[in-house]
Amino acid sequence: MAVQVELKRIIISETSDQQFIFLKEVDGPRTLPILIGSAEALAIDHRLKGTAFPRPQTHQLLSSVIEQLGGKLERIVISDLQDHTFFARLIIRQDGHSVEVDSRPSDAIALGVANQVPIFVAEHVLDEVGGENPA
């Protein structure tokens, strides 16, 4: 079973290549911190701020490819955690069928934010690392 979450916070440090995003359970107190790279953190931050670019960025390109192939991104699922590495799936509806595509969570979240689709986390992942929401 998957639990719906929302992007709660992005921490971008100019002195580190490692950034954090925090997902918060929509109907509960748990949060999920995910370590991501600087480029992905900036892409998510720019999408949230509505920053326009003269040429398509990677996540805009992928959105366009999905659309041009007759698909519609339905949701993002952070599906697993193995050896301190999170795994995600893009759930795409195409020709009445559901297609799942493997993705890094940071790329999936950037794409999800760009397309305003819901983000979910597998219950067993939240059980393993989901802490209480800091005040």
N, C-alpha and C. Protein backbone atom coordinates (compact mmCIF):
# COMPACT_ATOMS: atom_id res chain seq x y z
N MET A 1 0.85 -1.19 0.00
CA MET A 1 0.00 0.00 0.00
C MET A 1 0.88 1.23 0.00
N ALA A 2 0.43 2.27 -0.67
CA ALA A 2 1.20 3.51 -0.76
C ALA A 2 0.46 4.63 -0.04
N VAL A 3 1.24 5.54 0.52
CA VAL A 3 0.72 6.66 1.29
C VAL A 3 1.02 7.94 0.51
N GLN A 4 0.01 8.80 0.36
CA GLN A 4 0.23 10.05 -0.37
C GLN A 4 1.05 11.00 0.49
N VAL A 5 2.02 11.64 -0.16
CA VAL A 5 2.88 12.63 0.49
C VAL A 5 2.89 13.90 -0.35
N GLU A 6 3.43 14.95 0.24
CA GLU A 6 3.62 16.20 -0.49
C GLU A 6 5.04 16.69 -0.24
N LEU A 7 5.54 17.41 -1.20
CA LEU A 7 6.86 18.00 -1.04
C LEU A 7 6.74 19.11 -0.01
N LYS A 8 7.42 18.94 1.10
CA LYS A 8 7.28 19.87 2.21
C LYS A 8 8.39 20.91 2.23
N ARG A 9 9.62 20.47 1.91
CA ARG A 9 10.75 21.38 2.06
C ARG A 9 11.92 20.93 1.19
N ILE A 10 12.67 21.90 0.71
CA ILE A 10 13.91 21.64 0.00
C ILE A 10 15.00 22.40 0.75
N ILE A 11 16.09 21.72 1.05
CA ILE A 11 17.23 22.40 1.68
C ILE A 11 18.36 22.38 0.66
N ILE A 12 18.73 23.58 0.20
CA ILE A 12 19.80 23.72 -0.78
C ILE A 12 20.97 24.42 -0.11
N SER A 13 22.10 23.72 -0.09
CA SER A 13 23.32 24.26 0.50
C SER A 13 24.31 24.57 -0.61
N GLU A 14 24.78 25.79 -0.66
CA GLU A 14 25.74 26.17 -1.69
C GLU A 14 27.12 25.59 -1.43
N THR A 15 27.35 25.07 -0.24
CA THR A 15 28.68 24.54 0.10
C THR A 15 28.76 23.03 -0.01
N SER A 16 27.69 22.40 -0.51
CA SER A 16 27.68 20.94 -0.61
C SER A 16 27.03 20.51 -1.92
N ASP A 17 27.46 19.36 -2.42
CA ASP A 17 26.84 18.78 -3.61
C ASP A 17 25.61 17.96 -3.25
N GLN A 18 25.40 17.75 -1.96
CA GLN A 18 24.28 16.95 -1.50
C GLN A 18 23.22 17.85 -0.88
N GLN A 19 22.00 17.71 -1.38
CA GLN A 19 20.88 18.51 -0.92
C GLN A 19 19.80 17.58 -0.36
N PHE A 20 18.85 18.13 0.35
CA PHE A 20 17.77 17.32 0.91
C PHE A 20 16.42 17.84 0.45
N ILE A 21 15.52 16.89 0.19
CA ILE A 21 14.11 17.22 0.06
C ILE A 21 13.38 16.45 1.14
N PHE A 22 12.30 17.01 1.62
CA PHE A 22 11.50 16.36 2.65
C PHE A 22 10.08 16.19 2.12
N LEU A 23 9.62 14.95 2.14
CA LEU A 23 8.25 14.64 1.77
C LEU A 23 7.48 14.42 3.07
N LYS A 24 6.26 14.95 3.16
CA LYS A 24 5.44 14.79 4.36
C LYS A 24 4.16 14.04 4.01
N GLU A 25 3.84 13.11 4.84
CA GLU A 25 2.60 12.35 4.73
C GLU A 25 1.42 13.33 4.73
N VAL A 26 0.51 13.23 3.74
CA VAL A 26 -0.62 14.15 3.64
C VAL A 26 -1.54 14.03 4.85
N ASP A 27 -1.88 12.82 5.25
CA ASP A 27 -2.82 12.62 6.35
C ASP A 27 -2.16 12.02 7.59
N GLY A 28 -0.94 12.45 7.87
CA GLY A 28 -0.23 11.92 9.02
C GLY A 28 1.01 12.74 9.33
N PRO A 29 1.73 12.34 10.37
CA PRO A 29 2.86 13.15 10.84
C PRO A 29 4.23 12.78 10.27
N ARG A 30 4.32 11.68 9.53
CA ARG A 30 5.65 11.20 9.11
C ARG A 30 6.23 12.04 7.97
N THR A 31 7.56 12.19 8.02
CA THR A 31 8.29 12.85 6.95
C THR A 31 9.36 11.90 6.44
N LEU A 32 9.74 12.12 5.20
CA LEU A 32 10.74 11.28 4.57
C LEU A 32 11.81 12.18 3.96
N PRO A 33 13.02 12.19 4.56
CA PRO A 33 14.11 12.97 3.97
C PRO A 33 14.79 12.14 2.88
N ILE A 34 15.08 12.79 1.74
CA ILE A 34 15.77 12.12 0.64
C ILE A 34 16.94 12.99 0.23
N LEU A 35 18.13 12.41 0.22
CA LEU A 35 19.34 13.09 -0.21
C LEU A 35 19.38 13.08 -1.73
N ILE A 36 19.56 14.26 -2.34
CA ILE A 36 19.60 14.35 -3.80
C ILE A 36 20.77 15.25 -4.21
N GLY A 37 21.07 15.27 -5.48
CA GLY A 37 22.13 16.11 -6.02
C GLY A 37 21.70 17.55 -6.19
N SER A 38 22.68 18.41 -6.37
CA SER A 38 22.41 19.85 -6.53
C SER A 38 21.57 20.16 -7.77
N ALA A 39 21.89 19.52 -8.89
CA ALA A 39 21.15 19.81 -10.13
C ALA A 39 19.68 19.46 -9.98
N GLU A 40 19.39 18.32 -9.34
CA GLU A 40 18.00 17.90 -9.16
C GLU A 40 17.28 18.82 -8.18
N ALA A 41 17.97 19.22 -7.11
CA ALA A 41 17.35 20.13 -6.13
C ALA A 41 17.02 21.47 -6.79
N LEU A 42 17.94 21.97 -7.59
CA LEU A 42 17.69 23.25 -8.28
C LEU A 42 16.56 23.11 -9.29
N ALA A 43 16.49 21.98 -9.99
CA ALA A 43 15.39 21.76 -10.95
C ALA A 43 14.05 21.77 -10.24
N ILE A 44 13.96 21.10 -9.11
CA ILE A 44 12.71 21.08 -8.34
C ILE A 44 12.38 22.49 -7.84
N ASP A 45 13.38 23.17 -7.29
CA ASP A 45 13.18 24.52 -6.78
C ASP A 45 12.70 25.47 -7.89
N HIS A 46 13.32 25.38 -9.07
CA HIS A 46 12.90 26.23 -10.20
C HIS A 46 11.47 25.93 -10.62
N ARG A 47 11.10 24.64 -10.62
CA ARG A 47 9.72 24.27 -11.00
C ARG A 47 8.73 24.85 -9.99
N LEU A 48 9.05 24.77 -8.72
CA LEU A 48 8.16 25.31 -7.70
C LEU A 48 8.01 26.82 -7.81
N LYS A 49 9.08 27.49 -8.18
CA LYS A 49 9.06 28.95 -8.30
C LYS A 49 8.53 29.42 -9.65
N GLY A 50 8.30 28.49 -10.58
CA GLY A 50 7.78 28.85 -11.89
C GLY A 50 8.80 29.54 -12.78
N THR A 51 10.07 29.29 -12.54
CA THR A 51 11.12 29.91 -13.34
C THR A 51 11.02 29.43 -14.79
N ALA A 52 11.01 30.38 -15.71
CA ALA A 52 10.92 30.05 -17.14
C ALA A 52 12.33 30.00 -17.74
N PHE A 53 12.54 29.04 -18.63
CA PHE A 53 13.80 28.91 -19.33
C PHE A 53 13.54 29.01 -20.82
N PRO A 54 14.49 29.55 -21.59
CA PRO A 54 14.28 29.71 -23.03
C PRO A 54 14.23 28.38 -23.78
N ARG A 55 14.84 27.35 -23.23
CA ARG A 55 14.86 26.02 -23.85
C ARG A 55 14.36 25.01 -22.82
N PRO A 56 13.78 23.90 -23.28
CA PRO A 56 13.26 22.91 -22.34
C PRO A 56 14.38 22.31 -21.47
N GLN A 57 14.08 22.20 -20.21
CA GLN A 57 14.97 21.51 -19.29
C GLN A 57 14.64 20.02 -19.36
N THR A 58 15.46 19.19 -18.74
CA THR A 58 15.31 17.73 -18.85
C THR A 58 13.91 17.27 -18.47
N HIS A 59 13.36 17.79 -17.37
CA HIS A 59 12.05 17.34 -16.92
C HIS A 59 10.94 17.83 -17.84
N GLN A 60 11.13 18.99 -18.43
CA GLN A 60 10.16 19.47 -19.42
C GLN A 60 10.23 18.60 -20.68
N LEU A 61 11.43 18.22 -21.06
CA LEU A 61 11.60 17.34 -22.20
C LEU A 61 10.90 16.00 -21.98
N LEU A 62 11.11 15.40 -20.82
CA LEU A 62 10.47 14.12 -20.53
C LEU A 62 8.95 14.25 -20.51
N SER A 63 8.44 15.33 -19.96
CA SER A 63 6.99 15.57 -19.98
C SER A 63 6.47 15.62 -21.40
N SER A 64 7.19 16.32 -22.25
CA SER A 64 6.80 16.45 -23.64
C SER A 64 6.85 15.10 -24.37
N VAL A 65 7.86 14.30 -24.10
CA VAL A 65 7.97 12.98 -24.72
C VAL A 65 6.79 12.10 -24.30
N ILE A 66 6.48 12.09 -23.01
CA ILE A 66 5.34 11.29 -22.53
C ILE A 66 4.06 11.72 -23.24
N GLU A 67 3.84 13.02 -23.30
CA GLU A 67 2.63 13.56 -23.94
C GLU A 67 2.60 13.24 -25.44
N GLN A 68 3.71 13.43 -26.13
CA GLN A 68 3.75 13.19 -27.58
C GLN A 68 3.55 11.71 -27.91
N LEU A 69 3.87 10.82 -26.98
CA LEU A 69 3.67 9.39 -27.19
C LEU A 69 2.29 8.93 -26.72
N GLY A 70 1.42 9.91 -26.41
CA GLY A 70 0.05 9.59 -26.04
C GLY A 70 -0.13 9.18 -24.59
N GLY A 71 0.83 9.51 -23.75
CA GLY A 71 0.74 9.14 -22.34
C GLY A 71 0.37 10.32 -21.46
N LYS A 72 0.00 9.99 -20.24
CA LYS A 72 -0.29 11.01 -19.24
C LYS A 72 0.28 10.52 -17.92
N LEU A 73 1.16 11.32 -17.34
CA LEU A 73 1.73 10.97 -16.04
C LEU A 73 0.62 11.04 -15.00
N GLU A 74 0.39 9.91 -14.31
CA GLU A 74 -0.70 9.86 -13.32
C GLU A 74 -0.22 10.09 -11.90
N ARG A 75 0.92 9.49 -11.56
CA ARG A 75 1.44 9.61 -10.20
C ARG A 75 2.89 9.16 -10.14
N ILE A 76 3.52 9.52 -9.04
CA ILE A 76 4.88 9.13 -8.73
C ILE A 76 4.81 8.24 -7.49
N VAL A 77 5.60 7.17 -7.48
CA VAL A 77 5.63 6.29 -6.30
C VAL A 77 7.09 6.05 -5.89
N ILE A 78 7.42 6.43 -4.67
CA ILE A 78 8.71 6.05 -4.09
C ILE A 78 8.46 4.63 -3.59
N SER A 79 9.00 3.67 -4.31
CA SER A 79 8.56 2.28 -4.16
C SER A 79 9.41 1.40 -3.26
N ASP A 80 10.68 1.76 -3.06
CA ASP A 80 11.54 0.86 -2.30
C ASP A 80 12.74 1.60 -1.76
N LEU A 81 13.40 0.95 -0.82
CA LEU A 81 14.65 1.43 -0.23
C LEU A 81 15.55 0.22 -0.06
N GLN A 82 16.71 0.25 -0.72
CA GLN A 82 17.67 -0.85 -0.62
C GLN A 82 19.06 -0.27 -0.43
N ASP A 83 19.75 -0.71 0.60
CA ASP A 83 21.12 -0.25 0.87
C ASP A 83 21.23 1.27 0.84
N HIS A 84 20.32 1.95 1.52
CA HIS A 84 20.29 3.41 1.65
C HIS A 84 19.99 4.13 0.32
N THR A 85 19.46 3.42 -0.65
CA THR A 85 19.11 4.01 -1.94
C THR A 85 17.61 3.88 -2.17
N PHE A 86 16.95 5.02 -2.44
CA PHE A 86 15.53 5.01 -2.73
C PHE A 86 15.30 4.69 -4.21
N PHE A 87 14.18 4.06 -4.49
CA PHE A 87 13.77 3.73 -5.85
C PHE A 87 12.38 4.31 -6.08
N ALA A 88 12.15 4.77 -7.30
CA ALA A 88 10.85 5.37 -7.62
C ALA A 88 10.33 4.82 -8.94
N ARG A 89 9.03 5.01 -9.16
CA ARG A 89 8.38 4.59 -10.39
C ARG A 89 7.51 5.75 -10.88
N LEU A 90 7.56 5.97 -12.19
CA LEU A 90 6.62 6.88 -12.84
C LEU A 90 5.45 6.02 -13.29
N ILE A 91 4.25 6.39 -12.93
CA ILE A 91 3.06 5.66 -13.37
C ILE A 91 2.41 6.50 -14.47
N ILE A 92 2.43 5.94 -15.68
CA ILE A 92 1.96 6.64 -16.87
C ILE A 92 0.77 5.88 -17.45
N ARG A 93 -0.28 6.60 -17.81
CA ARG A 93 -1.45 6.01 -18.46
C ARG A 93 -1.28 6.23 -19.96
N GLN A 94 -1.30 5.13 -20.73
CA GLN A 94 -1.16 5.22 -22.18
C GLN A 94 -2.08 4.19 -22.82
N ASP A 95 -2.93 4.64 -23.72
CA ASP A 95 -3.87 3.76 -24.43
C ASP A 95 -4.66 2.87 -23.48
N GLY A 96 -5.10 3.44 -22.36
CA GLY A 96 -5.92 2.71 -21.41
C GLY A 96 -5.16 1.74 -20.52
N HIS A 97 -3.85 1.69 -20.65
CA HIS A 97 -3.02 0.80 -19.84
C HIS A 97 -2.11 1.61 -18.93
N SER A 98 -1.75 1.02 -17.81
CA SER A 98 -0.80 1.65 -16.90
C SER A 98 0.60 1.14 -17.23
N VAL A 99 1.52 2.07 -17.41
CA VAL A 99 2.91 1.75 -17.70
C VAL A 99 3.75 2.27 -16.55
N GLU A 100 4.63 1.44 -16.00
CA GLU A 100 5.52 1.85 -14.92
C GLU A 100 6.94 1.96 -15.44
N VAL A 101 7.58 3.08 -15.11
CA VAL A 101 8.94 3.34 -15.56
C VAL A 101 9.82 3.60 -14.34
N ASP A 102 10.94 2.91 -14.27
CA ASP A 102 11.90 3.08 -13.19
C ASP A 102 12.50 4.48 -13.25
N SER A 103 12.72 5.09 -12.09
CA SER A 103 13.25 6.45 -12.04
C SER A 103 13.99 6.69 -10.73
N ARG A 104 14.91 7.63 -10.77
CA ARG A 104 15.48 8.12 -9.51
C ARG A 104 14.39 8.96 -8.84
N PRO A 105 14.26 8.90 -7.52
CA PRO A 105 13.22 9.69 -6.85
C PRO A 105 13.33 11.19 -7.15
N SER A 106 14.54 11.73 -7.20
CA SER A 106 14.68 13.16 -7.45
C SER A 106 14.14 13.55 -8.82
N ASP A 107 14.42 12.74 -9.84
CA ASP A 107 13.89 13.02 -11.17
C ASP A 107 12.38 12.86 -11.20
N ALA A 108 11.89 11.82 -10.55
CA ALA A 108 10.45 11.58 -10.50
C ALA A 108 9.72 12.73 -9.82
N ILE A 109 10.27 13.20 -8.71
CA ILE A 109 9.64 14.29 -7.97
C ILE A 109 9.67 15.58 -8.79
N ALA A 110 10.78 15.86 -9.44
CA ALA A 110 10.85 17.06 -10.30
C ALA A 110 9.80 16.98 -11.40
N LEU A 111 9.65 15.81 -12.00
CA LEU A 111 8.65 15.63 -13.04
C LEU A 111 7.24 15.74 -12.46
N GLY A 112 7.03 15.16 -11.29
CA GLY A 112 5.73 15.23 -10.64
C GLY A 112 5.34 16.66 -10.27
N VAL A 113 6.31 17.42 -9.77
CA VAL A 113 6.05 18.83 -9.43
C VAL A 113 5.70 19.61 -10.69
N ALA A 114 6.43 19.35 -11.76
CA ALA A 114 6.19 20.05 -13.03
C ALA A 114 4.80 19.76 -13.58
N ASN A 115 4.30 18.54 -13.35
CA ASN A 115 3.01 18.13 -13.90
C ASN A 115 1.89 18.13 -12.87
N GLN A 116 2.19 18.56 -11.66
CA GLN A 116 1.21 18.62 -10.57
C GLN A 116 0.47 17.30 -10.40
N VAL A 117 1.23 16.22 -10.28
CA VAL A 117 0.64 14.90 -10.05
C VAL A 117 0.95 14.46 -8.63
N PRO A 118 0.11 13.61 -8.05
CA PRO A 118 0.34 13.17 -6.67
C PRO A 118 1.59 12.30 -6.55
N ILE A 119 2.19 12.39 -5.37
CA ILE A 119 3.37 11.60 -5.04
C ILE A 119 2.99 10.66 -3.90
N PHE A 120 3.39 9.40 -4.04
CA PHE A 120 3.11 8.39 -3.02
C PHE A 120 4.41 7.73 -2.58
N VAL A 121 4.39 7.19 -1.36
CA VAL A 121 5.52 6.42 -0.82
C VAL A 121 4.97 5.10 -0.33
N ALA A 122 5.65 4.02 -0.69
CA ALA A 122 5.25 2.70 -0.21
C ALA A 122 5.27 2.69 1.32
N GLU A 123 4.26 2.08 1.91
CA GLU A 123 4.12 2.04 3.36
C GLU A 123 5.37 1.47 4.04
N HIS A 124 5.95 0.42 3.47
CA HIS A 124 7.12 -0.20 4.12
C HIS A 124 8.33 0.75 4.11
N VAL A 125 8.41 1.65 3.13
CA VAL A 125 9.49 2.63 3.10
C VAL A 125 9.27 3.67 4.21
N LEU A 126 8.04 4.16 4.34
CA LEU A 126 7.73 5.11 5.42
C LEU A 126 7.93 4.47 6.78
N ASP A 127 7.55 3.21 6.92
CA ASP A 127 7.74 2.52 8.19
C ASP A 127 9.22 2.44 8.56
N GLU A 128 10.06 2.27 7.54
CA GLU A 128 11.49 2.11 7.80
C GLU A 128 12.20 3.42 8.13
N VAL A 129 11.86 4.49 7.41
CA VAL A 129 12.63 5.74 7.60
C VAL A 129 11.78 6.98 7.88
N GLY A 130 10.48 6.87 7.85
CA GLY A 130 9.63 8.04 8.06
C GLY A 130 9.61 8.46 9.51
N GLY A 131 10.13 9.64 9.77
CA GLY A 131 10.14 10.16 11.14
C GLY A 131 8.99 11.11 11.35
N GLU A 132 8.84 11.56 12.58
CA GLU A 132 7.80 12.55 12.90
C GLU A 132 8.18 13.88 12.28
N ASN A 133 7.16 14.63 11.89
CA ASN A 133 7.36 15.94 11.30
C ASN A 133 7.91 16.90 12.36
N PRO A 134 9.08 17.51 12.09
CA PRO A 134 9.61 18.48 13.05
C PRO A 134 8.72 19.72 13.10
N ALA A 135 8.59 20.30 14.27
CA ALA A 135 7.70 21.46 14.45
C ALA A 135 8.17 22.68 13.76
